Each structure stands twice: as C-alpha cells, then as structure tokens.
C-alpha cells in the first residue's frame, strides 16, 4: 500500500537558487527536482521533491529509503 501525506503542514524553506528565481534543470523537467518546501513527518522536516515530465508533476519525500507521496 502506498503511503500519502497531506500538504496541510508544508513549510516554505527555499534554497539559494529558488530565491534567485533559477531552476534546477534547463528544461524544468526531471525525476528528482528539489522544491522550496519541507513537510513534517515522523518527528522531523523532510525536503519535498518533485518528478516532472510533460504537464504533470508528483510531489514526494524520501524517508528511510521509502518514497512517500504528498496529496
């Protein structure tokens, strides 16, 4: 069964390139793009990643090697 988190408690925590308006890749697409958001899970904050190809993106975190998706 796939675990999901709700996006209610997300925290804005941009990295330097987010503040500069830059993207991680030239196209804006990728399998593991770092977002400017973190989310609490299991007592700590995890960086939210995004997989984007075409017009759709999936947001997720990596906790102890397990990918947990965010609704």
Protein backbone atom coordinates (compact mmCIF):
# COMPACT_ATOMS: atom_id res chain seq x y z
CA UNK A 1 0.00 0.00 0.00
CA UNK A 2 1.31 3.44 -0.92
CA UNK A 3 1.63 5.97 1.90
CA UNK A 4 0.42 9.52 1.37
CA UNK A 5 0.86 12.76 3.32
CA UNK A 6 -1.46 15.76 3.22
CA UNK A 7 0.08 19.08 2.23
CA UNK A 8 -1.57 20.99 5.12
CA UNK A 9 1.60 21.49 7.18
CA UNK A 10 4.15 22.29 4.50
CA UNK A 11 6.86 24.83 5.39
CA UNK A 12 8.39 27.25 2.87
CA UNK A 13 12.18 26.72 3.03
CA UNK A 14 13.75 27.88 -0.25
CA UNK A 15 17.32 27.12 -1.24
CA UNK A 16 19.56 29.81 -2.74
CA UNK A 17 18.61 29.07 -6.36
CA UNK A 18 14.90 29.28 -5.50
CA UNK A 19 15.49 32.77 -4.08
CA UNK A 20 17.34 33.75 -7.27
CA UNK A 21 14.49 32.52 -9.48
CA UNK A 22 16.60 29.76 -11.03
CA UNK A 23 15.55 26.19 -11.78
CA UNK A 24 17.49 23.02 -11.11
CA UNK A 25 17.48 21.91 -14.76
CA UNK A 26 17.49 23.87 -18.00
CA UNK A 27 14.13 22.44 -19.07
CA UNK A 28 12.41 22.41 -15.68
CA UNK A 29 11.77 18.68 -16.05
CA UNK A 30 13.38 15.87 -14.08
CA UNK A 31 12.98 12.77 -11.93
CA UNK A 32 14.08 14.31 -8.61
CA UNK A 33 13.74 18.08 -8.55
CA UNK A 34 14.32 19.81 -5.23
CA UNK A 35 11.41 22.07 -4.26
CA UNK A 36 11.35 25.08 -1.95
CA UNK A 37 9.15 23.19 0.52
CA UNK A 38 9.59 20.90 3.53
CA UNK A 39 6.99 18.80 5.33
CA UNK A 40 6.97 17.34 8.86
CA UNK A 41 6.95 13.55 9.06
CA UNK A 42 7.98 11.19 11.88
CA UNK A 43 9.30 14.00 14.08
CA UNK A 44 11.45 15.87 11.55
CA UNK A 45 11.22 18.04 8.44
CA UNK A 46 11.79 16.40 5.08
CA UNK A 47 12.59 18.20 1.83
CA UNK A 48 9.84 17.80 -0.77
CA UNK A 49 10.94 16.59 -4.21
CA UNK A 50 9.02 16.66 -7.46
CA UNK A 51 9.07 14.41 -10.50
CA UNK A 52 8.01 16.40 -13.57
CA UNK A 53 7.67 15.21 -17.16
CA UNK A 54 5.30 16.78 -19.66
CA UNK A 55 2.50 18.72 -17.93
CA UNK A 56 2.23 16.68 -14.72
CA UNK A 57 4.24 16.57 -11.52
CA UNK A 58 4.26 14.31 -8.46
CA UNK A 59 5.46 15.62 -5.09
CA UNK A 60 7.08 13.26 -2.61
CA UNK A 61 9.62 12.84 0.19
CA UNK A 62 12.23 10.16 0.77
CA UNK A 63 12.07 8.78 4.32
CA UNK A 64 14.38 5.87 5.21
CA UNK A 65 14.62 4.90 1.55
CA UNK A 66 10.84 4.90 1.05
CA UNK A 67 9.13 7.30 -1.34
CA UNK A 68 6.05 8.85 0.32
CA UNK A 69 3.75 10.89 -1.91
CA UNK A 70 2.04 14.15 -0.96
CA UNK A 71 -1.58 14.88 -1.84
